[in-house]
Amino acid sequence: MIAPPPLPAPILDPIVRLALAEDLGRAGDLTSDATLLPGTRIKAEIRARKTGVLAGMDAAAHTLKCLDEGVALDQRLRDSDKLAPGDVIATLTGEARSILMAERTMLNFIGRLSGVATLTAAFVEKIRHTDATIVCTRKTTPGHRALEKRAVRCGGGTSHRYGLDDAILIKDNHIAACGSVGEALKRAHAYAGHLRMIEVEVDTLAQLEEALPHKPHAVLLDNMDTDALKAAVAMIDGACKAEASGGVNFDTVAGIAETGVDYISVGALTHSASNLDVGLDLP
């Protein structure tokens, strides 16, 4: 799999600096300052301790750069690469104090984001026999959305919306406030420019029937069972994209994909991924 490009420095920099400031506090790394002689150099290895998919190396590299551009980082593996226990992900050579100050923040980024990529890859594998695509949602860690959505891409998925400002998604509360699916879609079309996508969430086939004449670009089929999803896909008949959402897990995702939907949104990719165990060792 080809990894997505690294996030640009203006996006990475405030996230990384906040993480470093949180760890270094008011006085820096007291342990390294107390125990390491100036000029002490080491070579260290970042290793995988579990099977998974790598992500977060852009954030890890930026962490090191913020602390000491003189530390050499030699990446042996790249984001999106598969990991096995014991695999050397990267080697670091340079000032011991800098490497040990960076260690936990680097590993936090790699572990968290590799966990997201690994969970995504597992979902993607479950539906590989279909044409459906796994997508993540806005259920992300505050402040880390760009990192986590990139990690989903490292695992073979893609993104729904990045935020409230990149597409119009009419949800149940919007519909309730407007009075009907049709009225909400009329207002959305009147507001949107020609490059703005409009998606509407529907809970029933009756709502879907009301929505389709208003030509949404996509319909979010929320918490429908597989029979209802099949009927919805038949009703849509290619007029717009069909996205399934709600109740998606390892046991249900294949059946959902087999109904013919185009996309399956899975909030768990970012809100429930477990960290992948990685460590830094001195060989």
C-alpha atoms as a PDB file:
ATOM      1  CA  MET A   1       0.000   0.000   0.000  1.00  0.00           C
ATOM      2  CA  ILE A   2       1.257   3.510  -0.826  1.00  0.00           C
ATOM      3  CA  ALA A   3       1.334   5.726   2.253  1.00  0.00           C
ATOM      4  CA  PRO A   4      -0.293   9.157   2.181  1.00  0.00           C
ATOM      5  CA  PRO A   5       2.199  12.025   2.166  1.00  0.00           C
ATOM      6  CA  PRO A   6       3.346  13.406   5.522  1.00  0.00           C
ATOM      7  CA  LEU A   7       1.222  16.145   7.008  1.00  0.00           C
ATOM      8  CA  PRO A   8       2.629  19.611   6.281  1.00  0.00           C
ATOM      9  CA  ALA A   9       4.776  21.181   8.985  1.00  0.00           C
ATOM     10  CA  PRO A  10       2.248  23.982   9.763  1.00  0.00           C
ATOM     11  CA  ILE A  11      -0.261  21.280  10.751  1.00  0.00           C
ATOM     12  CA  LEU A  12       2.198  19.066  12.621  1.00  0.00           C
ATOM     13  CA  ASP A  13       4.090  21.790  14.445  1.00  0.00           C
ATOM     14  CA  PRO A  14       1.453  23.025  16.928  1.00  0.00           C
ATOM     15  CA  ILE A  15       0.318  19.470  17.730  1.00  0.00           C
ATOM     16  CA  VAL A  16       3.863  18.248  18.343  1.00  0.00           C
ATOM     17  CA  ARG A  17       4.932  21.307  20.327  1.00  0.00           C
ATOM     18  CA  LEU A  18       1.880  21.016  22.575  1.00  0.00           C
ATOM     19  CA  ALA A  19       2.721  17.362  23.252  1.00  0.00           C
ATOM     20  CA  LEU A  20       6.336  18.213  24.042  1.00  0.00           C
ATOM     21  CA  ALA A  21       5.343  21.098  26.303  1.00  0.00           C
ATOM     22  CA  GLU A  22       2.976  18.789  28.170  1.00  0.00           C
ATOM     23  CA  ASP A  23       5.801  16.290  28.792  1.00  0.00           C
ATOM     24  CA  LEU A  24       8.680  18.701  29.472  1.00  0.00           C
ATOM     25  CA  GLY A  25       6.644  20.936  31.761  1.00  0.00           C
ATOM     26  CA  ARG A  26       8.409  23.844  33.447  1.00  0.00           C
ATOM     27  CA  ALA A  27      11.890  22.387  33.882  1.00  0.00           C
ATOM     28  CA  GLY A  28      12.567  19.875  31.107  1.00  0.00           C
ATOM     29  CA  ASP A  29      13.819  16.316  31.477  1.00  0.00           C
ATOM     30  CA  LEU A  30      15.162  16.228  35.038  1.00  0.00           C
ATOM     31  CA  THR A  31      16.269  12.597  34.798  1.00  0.00           C
ATOM     32  CA  SER A  32      18.392  13.075  31.692  1.00  0.00           C
ATOM     33  CA  ASP A  33      19.815  16.333  33.038  1.00  0.00           C
ATOM     34  CA  ALA A  34      20.751  14.590  36.282  1.00  0.00           C
ATOM     35  CA  THR A  35      22.300  11.426  34.857  1.00  0.00           C
ATOM     36  CA  LEU A  36      23.790  12.150  31.433  1.00  0.00           C
ATOM     37  CA  LEU A  37      27.114  13.851  30.862  1.00  0.00           C
ATOM     38  CA  PRO A  38      27.113  16.563  28.179  1.00  0.00           C
ATOM     39  CA  GLY A  39      28.071  15.169  24.781  1.00  0.00           C
ATOM     40  CA  THR A  40      26.964  11.597  25.531  1.00  0.00           C
ATOM     41  CA  ARG A  41      25.901   9.989  22.267  1.00  0.00           C
ATOM     42  CA  ILE A  42      23.828   6.865  21.727  1.00  0.00           C
ATOM     43  CA  LYS A  43      22.245   4.789  19.003  1.00  0.00           C
ATOM     44  CA  ALA A  44      18.695   3.660  19.663  1.00  0.00           C
ATOM     45  CA  GLU A  45      16.104   1.613  17.784  1.00  0.00           C
ATOM     46  CA  ILE A  46      12.353   2.045  17.633  1.00  0.00           C
ATOM     47  CA  ARG A  47      10.921  -1.475  17.446  1.00  0.00           C
ATOM     48  CA  ALA A  48       7.470  -2.951  17.021  1.00  0.00           C
ATOM     49  CA  ARG A  49       6.338  -5.233  19.812  1.00  0.00           C
ATOM     50  CA  LYS A  50       3.043  -6.287  18.231  1.00  0.00           C
ATOM     51  CA  THR A  51       1.733  -7.106  14.761  1.00  0.00           C
ATOM     52  CA  GLY A  52       0.100  -4.172  13.021  1.00  0.00           C
ATOM     53  CA  VAL A  53       0.296  -1.372  10.457  1.00  0.00           C
ATOM     54  CA  LEU A  54       2.675   1.553  10.914  1.00  0.00           C
ATOM     55  CA  ALA A  55       1.479   5.167  11.086  1.00  0.00           C
ATOM     56  CA  GLY A  56       2.600   8.401  12.731  1.00  0.00           C
ATOM     57  CA  MET A  57       6.192   8.569  11.570  1.00  0.00           C
ATOM     58  CA  ASP A  58       5.680  12.103  10.264  1.00  0.00           C
ATOM     59  CA  ALA A  59       4.694  13.289  13.746  1.00  0.00           C
ATOM     60  CA  ALA A  60       7.518  11.292  15.341  1.00  0.00           C
ATOM     61  CA  ALA A  61      10.110  12.752  12.977  1.00  0.00           C
ATOM     62  CA  HIS A  62       8.831  16.269  13.622  1.00  0.00           C
ATOM     63  CA  THR A  63       9.094  15.664  17.364  1.00  0.00           C
ATOM     64  CA  LEU A  64      12.771  14.844  17.012  1.00  0.00           C
ATOM     65  CA  LYS A  65      13.358  17.816  14.735  1.00  0.00           C
ATOM     66  CA  CYS A  66      11.797  20.195  17.256  1.00  0.00           C
ATOM     67  CA  LEU A  67      14.201  19.039  19.971  1.00  0.00           C
ATOM     68  CA  ASP A  68      17.443  18.478  18.076  1.00  0.00           C
ATOM     69  CA  GLU A  69      17.947  18.627  14.321  1.00  0.00           C
ATOM     70  CA  GLY A  70      21.361  17.053  14.868  1.00  0.00           C
ATOM     71  CA  VAL A  71      19.909  13.637  15.754  1.00  0.00           C
ATOM     72  CA  ALA A  72      19.976  11.359  12.688  1.00  0.00           C
ATOM     73  CA  LEU A  73      16.731   9.467  12.069  1.00  0.00           C
ATOM     74  CA  ASP A  74      17.035   6.489   9.720  1.00  0.00           C
ATOM     75  CA  GLN A  75      13.604   5.110   8.888  1.00  0.00           C
ATOM     76  CA  ARG A  76      13.735   1.402   8.074  1.00  0.00           C
ATOM     77  CA  LEU A  77       9.956   1.138   7.597  1.00  0.00           C
ATOM     78  CA  ARG A  78       7.421   3.622   6.285  1.00  0.00           C
ATOM     79  CA  ASP A  79       3.870   4.492   7.233  1.00  0.00           C
ATOM     80  CA  SER A  80       1.408   1.908   5.855  1.00  0.00           C
ATOM     81  CA  ASP A  81       4.044  -0.858   6.143  1.00  0.00           C
ATOM     82  CA  LYS A  82       3.041  -4.028   7.986  1.00  0.00           C
ATOM     83  CA  LEU A  83       4.749  -4.650  11.307  1.00  0.00           C
ATOM     84  CA  ALA A  84       5.760  -7.829  13.078  1.00  0.00           C
ATOM     85  CA  PRO A  85       7.086  -8.105  16.643  1.00  0.00           C
ATOM     86  CA  GLY A  86      10.764  -7.179  16.713  1.00  0.00           C
ATOM     87  CA  ASP A  87      10.761  -5.199  13.466  1.00  0.00           C
ATOM     88  CA  VAL A  88      13.084  -2.191  13.556  1.00  0.00           C
ATOM     89  CA  ILE A  89      11.018   0.800  12.493  1.00  0.00           C
ATOM     90  CA  ALA A  90      13.803   3.392  12.739  1.00  0.00           C
ATOM     91  CA  THR A  91      17.199   4.047  14.265  1.00  0.00           C
ATOM     92  CA  LEU A  92      18.208   7.265  16.038  1.00  0.00           C
ATOM     93  CA  THR A  93      21.817   8.348  16.412  1.00  0.00           C
ATOM     94  CA  GLY A  94      22.929  11.427  18.301  1.00  0.00           C
ATOM     95  CA  GLU A  95      22.861  13.269  21.619  1.00  0.00           C
ATOM     96  CA  ALA A  96      21.507  10.924  24.311  1.00  0.00           C
ATOM     97  CA  ARG A  97      19.678  13.708  26.143  1.00  0.00           C
ATOM     98  CA  SER A  98      17.766  14.739  23.006  1.00  0.00           C
ATOM     99  CA  ILE A  99      16.769  11.188  22.102  1.00  0.00           C
ATOM    100  CA  LEU A 100      15.539  10.382  25.615  1.00  0.00           C
ATOM    101  CA  MET A 101      13.594  13.645  25.839  1.00  0.00           C
ATOM    102  CA  ALA A 102      11.871  12.814  22.540  1.00  0.00           C
ATOM    103  CA  GLU A 103      11.305   9.123  23.305  1.00  0.00           C
ATOM    104  CA  ARG A 104       7.874   9.097  24.952  1.00  0.00           C
ATOM    105  CA  THR A 105       6.292  11.717  22.717  1.00  0.00           C
ATOM    106  CA  MET A 106       7.545   9.923  19.595  1.00  0.00           C
ATOM    107  CA  LEU A 107       6.287   6.571  20.839  1.00  0.00           C
ATOM    108  CA  ASN A 108       2.937   8.055  21.848  1.00  0.00           C
ATOM    109  CA  PHE A 109       2.369   9.312  18.309  1.00  0.00           C
ATOM    110  CA  ILE A 110       3.505   6.076  16.665  1.00  0.00           C
ATOM    111  CA  GLY A 111       1.612   3.809  19.066  1.00  0.00           C
ATOM    112  CA  ARG A 112      -1.667   5.702  18.918  1.00  0.00           C
ATOM    113  CA  LEU A 113      -1.673   6.267  15.160  1.00  0.00           C
ATOM    114  CA  SER A 114      -0.456   2.760  14.325  1.00  0.00           C
ATOM    115  CA  GLY A 115      -3.346   1.487  16.429  1.00  0.00           C
ATOM    116  CA  VAL A 116      -5.771   3.458  14.264  1.00  0.00           C
ATOM    117  CA  ALA A 117      -4.120   2.199  11.071  1.00  0.00           C
ATOM    118  CA  THR A 118      -4.128  -1.392  12.337  1.00  0.00           C
ATOM    119  CA  LEU A 119      -7.828  -1.340  13.247  1.00  0.00           C
ATOM    120  CA  THR A 120      -8.679   0.248   9.902  1.00  0.00           C
ATOM    121  CA  ALA A 121      -6.731  -2.408   8.004  1.00  0.00           C
ATOM    122  CA  ALA A 122      -8.654  -5.126   9.842  1.00  0.00           C
ATOM    123  CA  PHE A 123     -11.999  -3.615   8.781  1.00  0.00           C
ATOM    124  CA  VAL A 124     -10.769  -3.148   5.206  1.00  0.00           C
ATOM    125  CA  GLU A 125      -9.742  -6.797   5.052  1.00  0.00           C
ATOM    126  CA  LYS A 126     -13.228  -7.893   6.150  1.00  0.00           C
ATOM    127  CA  ILE A 127     -14.838  -6.278   3.088  1.00  0.00           C
ATOM    128  CA  ARG A 128     -12.100  -6.823   0.519  1.00  0.00           C
ATOM    129  CA  HIS A 129     -14.428  -9.056  -1.534  1.00  0.00           C
ATOM    130  CA  THR A 130     -16.839  -6.137  -2.089  1.00  0.00           C
ATOM    131  CA  ASP A 131     -16.680  -2.701  -3.715  1.00  0.00           C
ATOM    132  CA  ALA A 132     -17.462  -0.838  -0.491  1.00  0.00           C
ATOM    133  CA  THR A 133     -15.018   1.577   1.145  1.00  0.00           C
ATOM    134  CA  ILE A 134     -14.378   2.000   4.873  1.00  0.00           C
ATOM    135  CA  VAL A 135     -14.468   5.617   6.038  1.00  0.00           C
ATOM    136  CA  CYS A 136     -13.796   7.298   9.376  1.00  0.00           C
ATOM    137  CA  THR A 137     -15.901  10.004  11.030  1.00  0.00           C
ATOM    138  CA  ARG A 138     -15.454  13.154  13.126  1.00  0.00           C
ATOM    139  CA  LYS A 139     -15.301  11.053  16.301  1.00  0.00           C
ATOM    140  CA  THR A 140     -11.632  11.877  16.759  1.00  0.00           C
ATOM    141  CA  THR A 141      -9.377  12.858  19.648  1.00  0.00           C
ATOM    142  CA  PRO A 142      -9.656  16.647  20.060  1.00  0.00           C
ATOM    143  CA  GLY A 143      -6.677  18.318  18.419  1.00  0.00           C
ATOM    144  CA  HIS A 144      -5.500  15.142  16.690  1.00  0.00           C
ATOM    145  CA  ARG A 145      -8.026  14.876  13.857  1.00  0.00           C
ATOM    146  CA  ALA A 146      -5.538  15.434  11.031  1.00  0.00           C
ATOM    147  CA  LEU A 147      -3.184  12.811  12.492  1.00  0.00           C
ATOM    148  CA  GLU A 148      -5.903  10.215  13.047  1.00  0.00           C
ATOM    149  CA  LYS A 149      -7.546  10.682   9.674  1.00  0.00           C
ATOM    150  CA  ARG A 150      -4.155  10.273   7.987  1.00  0.00           C
ATOM    151  CA  ALA A 151      -3.639   7.093  10.034  1.00  0.00           C
ATOM    152  CA  VAL A 152      -6.934   5.744   8.677  1.00  0.00           C
ATOM    153  CA  ARG A 153      -5.556   6.267   5.179  1.00  0.00           C
ATOM    154  CA  CYS A 154      -2.386   4.410   6.177  1.00  0.00           C
ATOM    155  CA  GLY A 155      -4.642   1.471   7.040  1.00  0.00           C
ATOM    156  CA  GLY A 156      -6.442   1.514   3.696  1.00  0.00           C
ATOM    157  CA  GLY A 157      -9.536   3.507   4.619  1.00  0.00           C
ATOM    158  CA  THR A 158     -10.527   7.038   3.775  1.00  0.00           C
ATOM    159  CA  SER A 159     -12.389   9.925   5.381  1.00  0.00           C
ATOM    160  CA  HIS A 160     -15.960  11.052   5.609  1.00  0.00           C
ATOM    161  CA  ARG A 161     -15.897  14.757   6.529  1.00  0.00           C
ATOM    162  CA  TYR A 162     -12.839  16.386   8.071  1.00  0.00           C
ATOM    163  CA  GLY A 163     -15.010  18.985   9.787  1.00  0.00           C
ATOM    164  CA  LEU A 164     -18.204  20.959   9.659  1.00  0.00           C
ATOM    165  CA  ASP A 165     -16.827  23.216   6.945  1.00  0.00           C
ATOM    166  CA  ASP A 166     -16.058  20.861   4.056  1.00  0.00           C
ATOM    167  CA  ALA A 167     -19.464  19.385   3.194  1.00  0.00           C
ATOM    168  CA  ILE A 168     -23.145  19.661   4.084  1.00  0.00           C
ATOM    169  CA  LEU A 169     -24.431  16.683   6.077  1.00  0.00           C
ATOM    170  CA  ILE A 170     -28.079  17.036   7.050  1.00  0.00           C
ATOM    171  CA  LYS A 171     -28.611  14.903  10.163  1.00  0.00           C
ATOM    172  CA  ASP A 172     -31.725  14.001  12.125  1.00  0.00           C
ATOM    173  CA  ASN A 173     -31.601  17.087  14.307  1.00  0.00           C
ATOM    174  CA  HIS A 174     -31.340  19.379  11.273  1.00  0.00           C
ATOM    175  CA  ILE A 175     -34.352  17.606   9.765  1.00  0.00           C
ATOM    176  CA  ALA A 176     -36.310  17.975  12.990  1.00  0.00           C
ATOM    177  CA  ALA A 177     -35.497  21.675  13.169  1.00  0.00           C
ATOM    178  CA  CYS A 178     -36.438  22.210   9.494  1.00  0.00           C
ATOM    179  CA  GLY A 179     -39.624  20.162   9.697  1.00  0.00           C
ATOM    180  CA  SER A 180     -38.933  17.586   6.971  1.00  0.00           C
ATOM    181  CA  VAL A 181     -36.268  15.912   4.856  1.00  0.00           C
ATOM    182  CA  GLY A 182     -37.502  17.692   1.741  1.00  0.00           C
ATOM    183  CA  GLU A 183     -37.428  21.161   3.289  1.00  0.00           C
ATOM    184  CA  ALA A 184     -33.914  20.609   4.650  1.00  0.00           C
ATOM    185  CA  LEU A 185     -32.662  19.542   1.217  1.00  0.00           C
ATOM    186  CA  LYS A 186     -34.331  22.484  -0.519  1.00  0.00           C
ATOM    187  CA  ARG A 187     -32.579  24.902   1.818  1.00  0.00           C
ATOM    188  CA  ALA A 188     -29.247  23.107   1.432  1.00  0.00           C
ATOM    189  CA  HIS A 189     -29.368  23.256  -2.391  1.00  0.00           C
ATOM    190  CA  ALA A 190     -30.288  26.947  -2.263  1.00  0.00           C
ATOM    191  CA  TYR A 191     -27.274  27.642  -0.033  1.00  0.00           C
ATOM    192  CA  ALA A 192     -24.580  25.394  -1.468  1.00  0.00           C
ATOM    193  CA  GLY A 193     -22.227  26.372  -4.255  1.00  0.00           C
ATOM    194  CA  HIS A 194     -21.548  24.016  -7.133  1.00  0.00           C
ATOM    195  CA  LEU A 195     -18.572  22.409  -5.366  1.00  0.00           C
ATOM    196  CA  ARG A 196     -20.354  21.683  -2.075  1.00  0.00           C
ATOM    197  CA  MET A 197     -21.463  18.091  -1.511  1.00  0.00           C
ATOM    198  CA  ILE A 198     -24.831  17.524   0.148  1.00  0.00           C
ATOM    199  CA  GLU A 199     -25.544  14.343   2.088  1.00  0.00           C
ATOM    200  CA  VAL A 200     -28.686  13.623   4.055  1.00  0.00           C
ATOM    201  CA  GLU A 201     -29.151  11.115   6.865  1.00  0.00           C
ATOM    202  CA  VAL A 202     -32.252   8.948   6.723  1.00  0.00           C
ATOM    203  CA  ASP A 203     -33.488   6.368   9.202  1.00  0.00           C
ATOM    204  CA  THR A 204     -36.292   4.830   7.148  1.00  0.00           C
ATOM    205  CA  LEU A 205     -37.119   3.931   3.578  1.00  0.00           C
ATOM    206  CA  ALA A 206     -39.951   6.478   3.723  1.00  0.00           C
ATOM    207  CA  GLN A 207     -37.439   9.243   4.460  1.00  0.00           C
ATOM    208  CA  LEU A 208     -35.255   7.972   1.631  1.00  0.00           C
ATOM    209  CA  GLU A 209     -38.211   8.112  -0.751  1.00  0.00           C
ATOM    210  CA  GLU A 210     -38.791  11.722   0.273  1.00  0.00           C
ATOM    211  CA  ALA A 211     -35.113  12.614  -0.148  1.00  0.00           C
ATOM    212  CA  LEU A 212     -34.355  11.176  -3.586  1.00  0.00           C
ATOM    213  CA  PRO A 213     -36.381  13.646  -5.704  1.00  0.00           C
ATOM    214  CA  HIS A 214     -34.286  16.456  -4.180  1.00  0.00           C
ATOM    215  CA  LYS A 215     -31.109  14.906  -5.626  1.00  0.00           C
ATOM    216  CA  PRO A 216     -28.679  14.706  -2.706  1.00  0.00           C
ATOM    217  CA  HIS A 217     -25.138  13.758  -3.670  1.00  0.00           C
ATOM    218  CA  ALA A 218     -25.137  11.028  -1.024  1.00  0.00           C
ATOM    219  CA  VAL A 219     -27.514   9.425   1.441  1.00  0.00           C
ATOM    220  CA  LEU A 220     -26.446   8.245   4.896  1.00  0.00           C
ATOM    221  CA  LEU A 221     -28.467   5.139   5.727  1.00  0.00           C
ATOM    222  CA  ASP A 222     -28.399   5.185   9.510  1.00  0.00           C
ATOM    223  CA  ASN A 223     -28.872   2.080  11.676  1.00  0.00           C
ATOM    224  CA  MET A 224     -30.678   0.061   9.007  1.00  0.00           C
ATOM    225  CA  ASP A 225     -30.543  -3.724   9.002  1.00  0.00           C
ATOM    226  CA  THR A 226     -29.207  -5.513   5.951  1.00  0.00           C
ATOM    227  CA  ASP A 227     -32.649  -6.101   4.418  1.00  0.00           C
ATOM    228  CA  ALA A 228     -33.431  -2.389   4.647  1.00  0.00           C
ATOM    229  CA  LEU A 229     -30.000  -1.523   3.241  1.00  0.00           C
ATOM    230  CA  LYS A 230     -30.560  -3.792   0.236  1.00  0.00           C
ATOM    231  CA  ALA A 231     -33.954  -2.179  -0.379  1.00  0.00           C
ATOM    232  CA  ALA A 232     -32.402   1.295  -0.027  1.00  0.00           C
ATOM    233  CA  VAL A 233     -29.639   0.518  -2.525  1.00  0.00           C
ATOM    234  CA  ALA A 234     -32.279  -0.699  -4.985  1.00  0.00           C
ATOM    235  CA  MET A 235     -34.314   2.477  -4.491  1.00  0.00           C
ATOM    236  CA  ILE A 236     -31.255   4.696  -5.009  1.00  0.00           C
ATOM    237  CA  ASP A 237     -30.320   2.741  -8.154  1.00  0.00           C
ATOM    238  CA  GLY A 238     -27.144   4.730  -8.726  1.00  0.00           C
ATOM    239  CA  ALA A 239     -28.780   8.148  -8.399  1.00  0.00           C
ATOM    240  CA  CYS A 240     -26.375   9.055  -5.587  1.00  0.00           C
ATOM    241  CA  LYS A 241     -23.841   7.447  -3.288  1.00  0.00           C
ATOM    242  CA  ALA A 242     -25.099   5.194  -0.501  1.00  0.00           C
ATOM    243  CA  GLU A 243     -23.351   5.217   2.874  1.00  0.00           C
ATOM    244  CA  ALA A 244     -24.186   2.880   5.751  1.00  0.00           C
ATOM    245  CA  SER A 245     -23.667   3.936   9.336  1.00  0.00           C
ATOM    246  CA  GLY A 246     -24.431   2.610  12.820  1.00  0.00           C
ATOM    247  CA  GLY A 247     -23.956  -0.802  14.386  1.00  0.00           C
ATOM    248  CA  VAL A 248     -20.808  -1.483  12.391  1.00  0.00           C
ATOM    249  CA  ASN A 249     -18.373  -3.961  13.935  1.00  0.00           C
ATOM    250  CA  PHE A 250     -16.264  -6.942  12.859  1.00  0.00           C
ATOM    251  CA  ASP A 251     -19.290  -9.223  12.959  1.00  0.00           C
ATOM    252  CA  THR A 252     -21.565  -6.997  10.871  1.00  0.00           C
ATOM    253  CA  VAL A 253     -19.325  -5.126   8.444  1.00  0.00           C
ATOM    254  CA  ALA A 254     -19.098  -7.827   5.759  1.00  0.00           C
ATOM    255  CA  GLY A 255     -22.868  -8.272   5.619  1.00  0.00           C
ATOM    256  CA  ILE A 256     -23.337  -4.510   5.400  1.00  0.00           C
ATOM    257  CA  ALA A 257     -20.821  -4.279   2.554  1.00  0.00           C
ATOM    258  CA  GLU A 258     -22.555  -7.091   0.675  1.00  0.00           C
ATOM    259  CA  THR A 259     -25.790  -5.049   0.467  1.00  0.00           C
ATOM    260  CA  GLY A 260     -24.186  -2.914  -2.239  1.00  0.00           C
ATOM    261  CA  VAL A 261     -23.557   0.306  -0.328  1.00  0.00           C
ATOM    262  CA  ASP A 262     -20.671   2.450  -1.529  1.00  0.00           C
ATOM    263  CA  TYR A 263     -19.306   3.510   1.856  1.00  0.00           C
ATOM    264  CA  ILE A 264     -19.393   2.275   5.444  1.00  0.00           C
ATOM    265  CA  SER A 265     -18.600   4.822   8.142  1.00  0.00           C
ATOM    266  CA  VAL A 266     -17.006   3.423  11.297  1.00  0.00           C
ATOM    267  CA  GLY A 267     -16.541   5.739  14.259  1.00  0.00           C
ATOM    268  CA  ALA A 268     -14.608   3.054  16.134  1.00  0.00           C
ATOM    269  CA  LEU A 269     -11.604   3.509  13.846  1.00  0.00           C
ATOM    270  CA  THR A 270     -10.658   6.626  15.764  1.00  0.00           C
ATOM    271  CA  HIS A 271     -12.616   6.527  19.021  1.00  0.00           C
ATOM    272  CA  SER A 272     -11.897   2.905  20.001  1.00  0.00           C
ATOM    273  CA  ALA A 273      -8.550   1.921  18.483  1.00  0.00           C
ATOM    274  CA  SER A 274      -6.067   0.385  20.919  1.00  0.00           C
ATOM    275  CA  ASN A 275      -2.475   1.607  20.961  1.00  0.00           C
ATOM    276  CA  LEU A 276      -0.008  -0.569  19.102  1.00  0.00           C
ATOM    277  CA  ASP A 277       2.877  -1.458  21.377  1.00  0.00           C
ATOM    278  CA  VAL A 278       6.182   0.029  20.200  1.00  0.00           C
ATOM    279  CA  GLY A 279       9.333   0.721  22.158  1.00  0.00           C
ATOM    280  CA  LEU A 280      12.720   2.399  22.015  1.00  0.00           C
ATOM    281  CA  ASP A 281      15.712   0.219  22.853  1.00  0.00           C
ATOM    282  CA  LEU A 282      19.476   0.694  22.971  1.00  0.00           C
ATOM    283  CA  PRO A 283      20.965  -2.299  21.127  1.00  0.00           C
END
